[in-house]
Amino acid sequence: IVETGEKIFKHFLVNQEEPNFTIKKYKNCLVFSLMPQQTKAAIWYYTRELYFGNISLNEEGRVERNGNGAEWVQGRHFYQGQFISGQKNGRGKISYQNGDEYEGQWLEGQIYGFGRFTDSKK
């Protein structure tokens, strides 16, 4: 889990020499983008959380996760899947630090609907 998050972040840092590379500082995060429209970016939250994927600005002008992306939270989990309005929504797979995994449907950041949970202890 840690390796995956670090690889995503390092990939973005390696590409800093791109002509369209930007870094924007917000109250809760840094946004690294290679595209002028900033529809895809890496976000490093000051809570030691990393996100890479599609983003948009909400009505308040805050950056939020929207579309397909990957989220890494140090010491907790790695999630890859869909986001709507900053929350896990749609299909996605989460791998927890202890080895447990869930792949299936999400609604407003919560496991919801059909899916498969794999217990690492079994």
Protein backbone atom coordinates (compact mmCIF):
# COMPACT_ATOMS: atom_id res chain seq x y z
CA ILE A 1 0.00 0.00 0.00
CA VAL A 2 2.73 2.47 0.96
CA GLU A 3 4.74 1.64 -2.18
CA THR A 4 1.75 2.30 -4.44
CA GLY A 5 1.11 5.74 -2.98
CA GLU A 6 4.78 6.69 -3.15
CA LYS A 7 5.06 5.54 -6.77
CA ILE A 8 2.13 7.74 -7.78
CA PHE A 9 3.63 10.76 -6.02
CA LYS A 10 7.15 10.16 -7.39
CA HIS A 11 5.76 9.84 -10.93
CA PHE A 12 4.31 13.31 -10.65
CA LEU A 13 7.49 14.81 -9.21
CA VAL A 14 9.59 13.33 -12.02
CA ASN A 15 7.41 15.14 -14.56
CA GLN A 16 7.96 18.61 -13.06
CA GLU A 17 9.89 19.71 -16.13
CA GLU A 18 6.75 19.55 -18.28
CA PRO A 19 5.85 23.03 -19.59
CA ASN A 20 2.31 22.84 -18.16
CA PHE A 21 3.32 21.60 -14.70
CA THR A 22 1.71 23.65 -11.91
CA ILE A 23 1.60 23.50 -8.13
CA LYS A 24 -1.23 25.26 -6.33
CA LYS A 25 -1.43 25.62 -2.56
CA TYR A 26 -4.81 25.44 -0.80
CA LYS A 27 -5.72 25.52 2.90
CA ASN A 28 -5.85 21.74 3.18
CA CYS A 29 -3.63 20.50 0.31
CA LEU A 30 -1.17 20.99 -2.52
CA VAL A 31 -2.39 20.28 -6.07
CA PHE A 32 0.16 19.11 -8.65
CA SER A 33 -1.13 19.24 -12.21
CA LEU A 34 0.28 18.61 -15.67
CA MET A 35 -2.73 20.01 -17.48
CA PRO A 36 -3.68 23.69 -17.69
CA GLN A 37 -7.38 22.84 -17.24
CA GLN A 38 -6.51 20.85 -14.10
CA THR A 39 -8.93 18.03 -14.86
CA LYS A 40 -6.37 15.45 -13.70
CA ALA A 41 -3.97 16.03 -10.82
CA ALA A 42 -2.14 14.66 -7.83
CA ILE A 43 -3.28 16.09 -4.51
CA TRP A 44 -1.15 15.88 -1.37
CA TYR A 45 -3.27 16.60 1.71
CA TYR A 46 -1.55 17.88 4.82
CA THR A 47 -3.13 14.90 6.64
CA ARG A 48 -0.63 12.67 4.76
CA GLU A 49 -3.21 11.53 2.24
CA LEU A 50 -2.52 11.32 -1.49
CA TYR A 51 -4.96 11.31 -4.40
CA PHE A 52 -4.26 10.97 -8.10
CA GLY A 53 -7.01 11.24 -10.69
CA ASN A 54 -9.80 13.41 -12.01
CA ILE A 55 -10.70 16.57 -10.12
CA SER A 56 -13.09 19.51 -10.37
CA LEU A 57 -13.85 22.71 -8.49
CA ASN A 58 -17.04 22.74 -6.45
CA GLU A 59 -19.37 25.74 -6.07
CA GLU A 60 -17.22 27.08 -3.21
CA GLY A 61 -14.08 26.96 -5.36
CA ARG A 62 -12.57 24.01 -3.49
CA VAL A 63 -10.82 21.18 -5.29
CA GLU A 64 -12.63 17.85 -5.04
CA ARG A 65 -12.24 14.36 -6.40
CA ASN A 66 -14.58 13.67 -9.31
CA GLY A 67 -14.33 10.73 -11.72
CA ASN A 68 -11.78 7.93 -11.63
CA GLY A 69 -8.92 8.12 -9.19
CA ALA A 70 -6.69 6.49 -6.61
CA GLU A 71 -6.48 7.44 -2.94
CA TRP A 72 -3.71 6.46 -0.55
CA VAL A 73 -3.99 7.16 3.18
CA GLN A 74 -0.78 6.38 5.04
CA GLY A 75 -1.18 3.55 7.53
CA ARG A 76 -4.81 2.92 6.57
CA HIS A 77 -5.69 2.00 2.99
CA PHE A 78 -5.31 2.29 -0.78
CA TYR A 79 -8.48 2.80 -2.85
CA GLN A 80 -8.84 2.83 -6.61
CA GLY A 81 -12.17 3.58 -8.24
CA GLN A 82 -14.82 6.22 -8.80
CA PHE A 83 -15.46 9.44 -6.89
CA ILE A 84 -18.36 11.91 -6.96
CA SER A 85 -18.21 15.21 -5.07
CA GLY A 86 -15.08 14.15 -3.22
CA GLN A 87 -16.44 10.83 -1.94
CA LYS A 88 -16.12 7.21 -3.04
CA ASN A 89 -19.14 6.54 -5.30
CA GLY A 90 -19.74 3.84 -7.90
CA ARG A 91 -17.33 0.93 -8.27
CA GLY A 92 -14.03 0.67 -6.49
CA LYS A 93 -11.53 -1.53 -4.72
CA ILE A 94 -10.00 -0.81 -1.34
CA SER A 95 -7.01 -2.60 0.20
CA TYR A 96 -6.57 -2.08 3.93
CA GLN A 97 -3.23 -1.98 5.73
CA ASN A 98 -3.99 -5.34 7.43
CA GLY A 99 -4.44 -7.07 4.04
CA ASP A 100 -8.25 -7.14 3.95
CA GLU A 101 -9.84 -6.06 0.65
CA TYR A 102 -13.25 -5.02 -0.60
CA GLU A 103 -14.21 -4.68 -4.25
CA GLY A 104 -17.66 -3.52 -5.21
CA GLN A 105 -20.12 -0.67 -4.99
CA TRP A 106 -19.84 2.53 -2.94
CA LEU A 107 -22.28 5.32 -2.11
CA GLU A 108 -21.28 8.62 -0.48
CA GLY A 109 -18.03 7.21 0.87
CA GLN A 110 -19.57 4.03 2.32
CA ILE A 111 -19.63 0.41 1.17
CA TYR A 112 -23.08 -0.03 -0.35
CA GLY A 113 -24.77 -2.60 -2.60
CA PHE A 114 -23.00 -5.57 -4.13
CA GLY A 115 -19.37 -6.39 -3.57
CA ARG A 116 -16.86 -8.93 -2.33
CA PHE A 117 -14.92 -8.68 0.93
CA THR A 118 -11.74 -10.72 1.32
CA ASP A 119 -10.53 -11.35 4.87
CA SER A 120 -6.74 -11.64 4.94
CA LYS A 121 -6.89 -14.00 7.92
CA LYS A 122 -8.79 -16.74 6.05
